[in-house]
């Protein structure tokens, strides 16, 4: 029995070694480097204790600005993006014609590379030849309302619109996977419950609030956690559109961490930033999990 168990472990040993080298060791190393001042080049490191963490939390306004801006992107994703995903999932759950085709179409944006998506939207938002400005100009021409032409601008270069423009790109790219998860959750609800509710005289709205919403709470929790983790860690779209500008107006935590590491050669400081950021995301995720279990009517 012991020999067979040993042979079984030999099969997963390569995977365990890869996981240890590329995941466990770097994770432990981050904790070690976070209490040092190190430029990533010199062999010597200066121990600073919790100074890096104190400076991030109490004396780094750009870091907290990047956190709030990522939270703004996340808020739009949690509300508008997931609301759109839920509406589309409800429509497809009713068995509409070409429903399978819509599933494929809606899932195309999440599959695309963030860099590719950013380049596409760069063209749409361009202030000189962008598609959005072209539409606004045509709309102003057709309606004879100058308000639409006054909206024309370099959307990603204007501090007033850059962050919201990036949030819309993130929403467009991310609603498809939420749609699929929510659709799977809807299809797991027994149809007999809706039939029984209909017999009792419940309309579609009452069935939605009394059956769909309570039974979808675990799915809502999963989608919310994945949305938060994805939106808060947005990076490729930022890099391919604004690069964090203009004037830090689209900076997010990942770009700040990389700026500290590559731009300022503060590897220890960057590791401390990563730990603070990870602790915040972990705390939010645990809160959502706890709320989801508390609100779940099927939880024991």
Protein backbone atom coordinates (compact mmCIF):
# COMPACT_ATOMS: atom_id res chain seq x y z
CA UNK A 1 0.00 0.00 0.00
CA UNK A 2 2.81 2.41 0.94
CA UNK A 3 4.68 1.54 -2.26
CA UNK A 4 1.59 2.27 -4.36
CA UNK A 5 1.06 5.58 -2.58
CA UNK A 6 4.69 6.51 -3.20
CA UNK A 7 4.28 5.75 -6.91
CA UNK A 8 1.15 7.90 -7.03
CA UNK A 9 3.04 10.83 -5.54
CA UNK A 10 5.81 10.37 -8.10
CA UNK A 11 3.29 11.16 -10.86
CA UNK A 12 2.44 14.55 -9.37
CA UNK A 13 6.01 15.33 -8.27
CA UNK A 14 6.89 17.35 -11.42
CA UNK A 15 3.78 19.51 -11.00
CA UNK A 16 4.53 19.99 -7.30
CA UNK A 17 8.11 21.02 -8.05
CA UNK A 18 6.95 23.57 -10.64
CA UNK A 19 4.35 24.92 -8.22
CA UNK A 20 6.93 25.18 -5.45
CA UNK A 21 9.53 26.92 -7.61
CA UNK A 22 7.26 29.34 -9.41
CA UNK A 23 4.52 29.95 -6.80
CA UNK A 24 5.42 29.00 -3.22
CA UNK A 25 9.04 30.23 -3.26
CA UNK A 26 8.23 33.65 -4.85
CA UNK A 27 5.33 34.07 -2.41
CA UNK A 28 7.61 33.49 0.58
CA UNK A 29 10.31 35.69 -0.96
CA UNK A 30 7.86 38.60 -1.22
CA UNK A 31 7.38 38.56 2.56
CA UNK A 32 11.14 38.57 3.06
CA UNK A 33 11.86 41.42 0.63
CA UNK A 34 9.02 43.57 1.94
CA UNK A 35 10.99 44.42 5.09
CA UNK A 36 14.13 45.42 3.19
CA UNK A 37 15.23 48.35 1.07
CA UNK A 38 16.68 46.81 -2.09
CA UNK A 39 17.20 48.09 -5.62
CA UNK A 40 17.01 44.66 -7.23
CA UNK A 41 20.62 44.86 -8.45
CA UNK A 42 23.07 45.17 -5.57
CA UNK A 43 23.72 42.00 -3.52
CA UNK A 44 23.28 43.89 -0.22
CA UNK A 45 19.89 44.76 1.26
CA UNK A 46 19.10 47.14 4.12
CA UNK A 47 16.65 45.95 6.74
CA UNK A 48 13.94 48.58 7.38
CA UNK A 49 11.33 46.53 9.22
CA UNK A 50 7.79 47.82 8.79
CA UNK A 51 8.94 51.17 7.41
CA UNK A 52 7.81 50.24 3.87
CA UNK A 53 4.32 49.39 5.10
CA UNK A 54 4.06 52.57 7.21
CA UNK A 55 5.13 54.72 4.27
CA UNK A 56 2.60 53.07 1.94
CA UNK A 57 -0.31 53.36 4.36
CA UNK A 58 0.36 56.81 5.80
CA UNK A 59 2.61 58.72 3.39
CA UNK A 60 1.84 57.61 -0.15
CA UNK A 61 -1.17 59.52 -1.54
CA UNK A 62 -0.57 58.32 -5.12
CA UNK A 63 -0.90 54.71 -3.93
CA UNK A 64 -4.24 55.38 -2.28
CA UNK A 65 -5.34 57.38 -5.30
CA UNK A 66 -4.60 54.34 -7.45
CA UNK A 67 -6.65 52.21 -5.03
CA UNK A 68 -9.66 54.54 -5.24
CA UNK A 69 -9.42 54.68 -9.02
CA UNK A 70 -9.31 50.88 -9.22
CA UNK A 71 -12.29 50.81 -6.83
CA UNK A 72 -14.18 53.14 -9.21
CA UNK A 73 -13.51 50.77 -12.12
CA UNK A 74 -14.60 47.88 -9.91
CA UNK A 75 -17.81 49.65 -8.89
CA UNK A 76 -18.81 50.10 -12.53
CA UNK A 77 -17.98 46.45 -13.17
CA UNK A 78 -20.01 45.26 -10.18
CA UNK A 79 -23.07 47.31 -11.10
CA UNK A 80 -23.37 48.04 -14.83
CA UNK A 81 -21.29 45.14 -16.12
CA UNK A 82 -22.96 42.48 -13.97
CA UNK A 83 -26.41 44.00 -14.49
CA UNK A 84 -25.89 43.74 -18.25
CA UNK A 85 -24.62 40.17 -17.86
CA UNK A 86 -27.66 39.22 -15.76
CA UNK A 87 -30.16 40.74 -18.21
CA UNK A 88 -28.56 38.91 -21.13
CA UNK A 89 -28.43 35.67 -19.13
CA UNK A 90 -32.14 35.98 -18.27
CA UNK A 91 -32.98 36.54 -21.93
CA UNK A 92 -30.95 33.55 -23.13
CA UNK A 93 -32.32 31.40 -20.30
CA UNK A 94 -35.78 31.79 -21.81
CA UNK A 95 -34.69 29.74 -24.80
CA UNK A 96 -34.70 32.48 -27.43
CA UNK A 97 -33.89 31.71 -31.05
CA UNK A 98 -30.14 31.46 -31.78
CA UNK A 99 -29.44 31.39 -28.03
CA UNK A 100 -26.30 29.28 -28.47
CA UNK A 101 -24.99 31.74 -31.03
CA UNK A 102 -25.43 34.62 -28.60
CA UNK A 103 -23.46 32.71 -25.97
CA UNK A 104 -20.52 32.45 -28.35
CA UNK A 105 -20.75 36.11 -29.37
CA UNK A 106 -20.97 37.39 -25.79
CA UNK A 107 -17.94 35.35 -24.77
CA UNK A 108 -15.68 36.70 -27.53
CA UNK A 109 -14.58 39.88 -25.63
CA UNK A 110 -13.27 38.03 -22.53
CA UNK A 111 -11.25 35.69 -24.76
CA UNK A 112 -9.52 38.56 -26.54
CA UNK A 113 -6.17 39.80 -25.26
CA UNK A 114 -6.37 42.91 -23.08
CA UNK A 115 -3.70 44.54 -25.23
CA UNK A 116 -5.73 43.91 -28.39
CA UNK A 117 -8.87 45.25 -26.73
CA UNK A 118 -6.98 48.34 -25.59
CA UNK A 119 -5.68 49.01 -29.10
CA UNK A 120 -9.17 48.65 -30.56
CA UNK A 121 -10.64 51.09 -28.07
CA UNK A 122 -7.73 53.46 -28.59
CA UNK A 123 -8.98 53.82 -32.14
CA UNK A 124 -12.58 54.29 -30.97
CA UNK A 125 -11.64 56.95 -28.39
CA UNK A 126 -9.05 58.77 -30.54
CA UNK A 127 -9.57 62.54 -30.43
CA UNK A 128 -8.69 63.15 -34.11
CA UNK A 129 -10.14 60.23 -36.06
CA UNK A 130 -11.92 58.18 -33.40
CA UNK A 131 -15.15 56.39 -34.12
CA UNK A 132 -16.89 57.79 -31.05
CA UNK A 133 -16.20 61.40 -32.01
CA UNK A 134 -17.33 60.61 -35.57
CA UNK A 135 -20.63 59.29 -34.27
CA UNK A 136 -21.12 62.35 -32.08
CA UNK A 137 -20.41 64.66 -35.02
CA UNK A 138 -22.88 62.78 -37.22
CA UNK A 139 -25.50 62.78 -34.46
CA UNK A 140 -25.08 66.53 -34.03
CA UNK A 141 -25.43 66.98 -37.78
CA UNK A 142 -28.58 64.87 -38.04
CA UNK A 143 -30.34 66.30 -34.98
CA UNK A 144 -29.01 69.88 -35.33
CA UNK A 145 -28.13 69.77 -31.62
CA UNK A 146 -24.70 71.23 -30.90
CA UNK A 147 -24.53 69.47 -27.52
CA UNK A 148 -23.33 66.24 -29.13
CA UNK A 149 -20.51 67.93 -31.04
CA UNK A 150 -19.44 69.70 -27.85
CA UNK A 151 -18.86 66.28 -26.28
CA UNK A 152 -16.09 65.47 -28.76
CA UNK A 153 -12.69 65.18 -27.08
CA UNK A 154 -9.61 63.01 -26.71
CA UNK A 155 -11.36 60.68 -24.31
CA UNK A 156 -8.30 58.87 -22.98
CA UNK A 157 -6.19 62.03 -22.70
CA UNK A 158 -8.79 64.17 -20.93
CA UNK A 159 -8.51 63.91 -17.11
CA UNK A 160 -12.30 64.32 -16.84
CA UNK A 161 -13.11 61.26 -18.94
CA UNK A 162 -10.01 59.04 -18.96
CA UNK A 163 -10.89 56.88 -15.95
CA UNK A 164 -14.52 56.36 -16.96
CA UNK A 165 -13.40 55.54 -20.50
CA UNK A 166 -11.06 52.85 -19.18
CA UNK A 167 -13.84 51.52 -16.92
CA UNK A 168 -16.12 51.17 -19.95
CA UNK A 169 -13.43 49.22 -21.81
CA UNK A 170 -13.05 46.90 -18.82
CA UNK A 171 -16.84 46.49 -18.63
CA UNK A 172 -17.08 45.62 -22.34
CA UNK A 173 -14.32 43.04 -22.02
CA UNK A 174 -15.59 41.46 -18.82
CA UNK A 175 -19.36 41.10 -19.11
CA UNK A 176 -19.15 37.92 -21.22
CA UNK A 177 -17.71 35.60 -18.59
CA UNK A 178 -20.17 36.93 -16.00
CA UNK A 179 -22.94 36.22 -18.49
CA UNK A 180 -21.88 32.58 -18.81
CA UNK A 181 -21.56 32.02 -15.06
CA UNK A 182 -24.92 33.65 -14.36
CA UNK A 183 -26.56 31.67 -17.18
CA UNK A 184 -25.19 28.45 -15.71
CA UNK A 185 -26.62 29.45 -12.34
CA UNK A 186 -30.03 30.21 -13.85
CA UNK A 187 -30.14 26.88 -15.64
CA UNK A 188 -29.41 25.03 -12.41
CA UNK A 189 -32.68 26.26 -10.86
CA UNK A 190 -35.38 23.55 -11.13
CA UNK A 191 -38.09 24.59 -13.61
CA UNK A 192 -40.73 22.99 -11.39
CA UNK A 193 -40.38 25.89 -8.97
CA UNK A 194 -41.42 28.40 -11.63
CA UNK A 195 -44.30 26.17 -12.74
CA UNK A 196 -45.54 25.87 -9.16
CA UNK A 197 -45.27 29.63 -8.67
CA UNK A 198 -47.23 30.21 -11.87
CA UNK A 199 -49.98 27.87 -10.68
CA UNK A 200 -50.15 29.85 -7.43
CA UNK A 201 -50.70 33.03 -9.43
CA UNK A 202 -47.24 34.57 -9.25
CA UNK A 203 -46.23 36.80 -12.16
CA UNK A 204 -42.76 36.90 -13.76
CA UNK A 205 -41.54 39.72 -11.50
CA UNK A 206 -42.64 37.92 -8.33
CA UNK A 207 -41.04 34.67 -9.51
CA UNK A 208 -37.79 36.54 -10.17
CA UNK A 209 -37.62 38.07 -6.68
CA UNK A 210 -38.97 35.07 -4.76
CA UNK A 211 -37.23 32.24 -6.64
CA UNK A 212 -34.46 33.43 -8.93
CA UNK A 213 -32.73 35.97 -6.68
CA UNK A 214 -32.58 33.82 -3.49
CA UNK A 215 -31.35 30.74 -5.33
CA UNK A 216 -28.81 32.75 -7.32
CA UNK A 217 -27.12 34.27 -4.25
CA UNK A 218 -24.18 31.79 -4.29
CA UNK A 219 -23.66 32.52 -7.99
CA UNK A 220 -23.89 36.26 -7.36
CA UNK A 221 -21.21 35.83 -4.69
CA UNK A 222 -18.87 34.00 -7.06
CA UNK A 223 -19.39 36.55 -9.84
CA UNK A 224 -18.87 39.44 -7.40
CA UNK A 225 -15.59 38.04 -6.08
CA UNK A 226 -14.27 37.31 -9.57
CA UNK A 227 -15.34 40.77 -10.75
CA UNK A 228 -13.58 42.49 -7.86
CA UNK A 229 -10.39 40.48 -8.27
CA UNK A 230 -10.35 41.04 -12.01
CA UNK A 231 -11.19 44.76 -12.00
CA UNK A 232 -8.91 45.67 -9.10
CA UNK A 233 -6.00 43.94 -10.82
CA UNK A 234 -6.59 45.61 -14.20
CA UNK A 235 -3.30 46.21 -15.96
CA UNK A 236 -3.10 45.28 -19.65
CA UNK A 237 -5.95 47.61 -20.64
CA UNK A 238 -4.32 50.48 -18.74
CA UNK A 239 -0.93 49.86 -20.36
CA UNK A 240 -2.38 49.69 -23.88
CA UNK A 241 -4.55 52.81 -23.51
CA UNK A 242 -3.34 55.45 -21.05
CA UNK A 243 -0.25 54.03 -19.33
CA UNK A 244 -1.63 55.42 -16.06
CA UNK A 245 -1.98 58.98 -17.34
CA UNK A 246 -2.87 61.68 -17.78
CA UNK A 247 -1.17 62.88 -14.59
CA UNK A 248 -1.94 59.69 -12.59
CA UNK A 249 -5.67 59.92 -13.41
CA UNK A 250 -5.82 56.25 -14.47
CA UNK A 251 -3.14 54.84 -12.18
CA UNK A 252 -4.12 51.53 -10.56
CA UNK A 253 -2.32 49.45 -7.90
CA UNK A 254 -0.59 47.12 -10.36
CA UNK A 255 0.89 50.01 -12.34
CA UNK A 256 2.06 51.65 -9.09
CA UNK A 257 3.73 48.42 -7.94
CA UNK A 258 5.52 48.00 -11.26
CA UNK A 259 6.51 51.70 -11.28
CA UNK A 260 8.11 51.30 -7.85
CA UNK A 261 9.91 48.15 -8.94
CA UNK A 262 11.06 49.06 -12.46
CA UNK A 263 11.00 52.85 -12.48
CA UNK A 264 12.36 53.62 -9.01
CA UNK A 265 14.21 50.32 -8.39
CA UNK A 266 12.48 49.89 -5.03
CA UNK A 267 11.92 46.14 -5.05
CA UNK A 268 11.31 45.85 -1.31
CA UNK A 269 8.83 48.73 -1.39
CA UNK A 270 7.04 47.15 -4.36
CA UNK A 271 6.77 43.83 -2.47
CA UNK A 272 5.23 45.67 0.49
CA UNK A 273 2.74 47.31 -1.87
CA UNK A 274 1.82 43.88 -3.22
CA UNK A 275 1.21 42.52 0.28
CA UNK A 276 -0.96 45.50 1.27
CA UNK A 277 -2.91 45.14 -1.97
CA UNK A 278 -3.30 41.39 -1.49
CA UNK A 279 -4.49 41.84 2.10
CA UNK A 280 -7.18 44.30 0.95
CA UNK A 281 -8.41 41.96 -1.80
CA UNK A 282 -8.41 38.97 0.57
CA UNK A 283 -10.42 40.89 3.18
CA UNK A 284 -13.03 42.00 0.64
CA UNK A 285 -13.32 38.47 -0.75
CA UNK A 286 -13.82 36.96 2.73
CA UNK A 287 -16.52 39.53 3.53
CA UNK A 288 -18.40 38.69 0.32
CA UNK A 289 -18.11 34.95 1.00
CA UNK A 290 -19.47 35.44 4.52
CA UNK A 291 -22.37 37.58 3.29
CA UNK A 292 -23.14 35.09 0.53
CA UNK A 293 -23.33 32.22 3.04
CA UNK A 294 -25.44 34.27 5.42
CA UNK A 295 -27.94 35.27 2.72
CA UNK A 296 -28.05 31.88 1.04
CA UNK A 297 -31.46 30.31 1.86
CA UNK A 298 -30.09 26.81 1.17
CA UNK A 299 -27.15 27.13 3.54
CA UNK A 300 -27.29 24.91 6.55
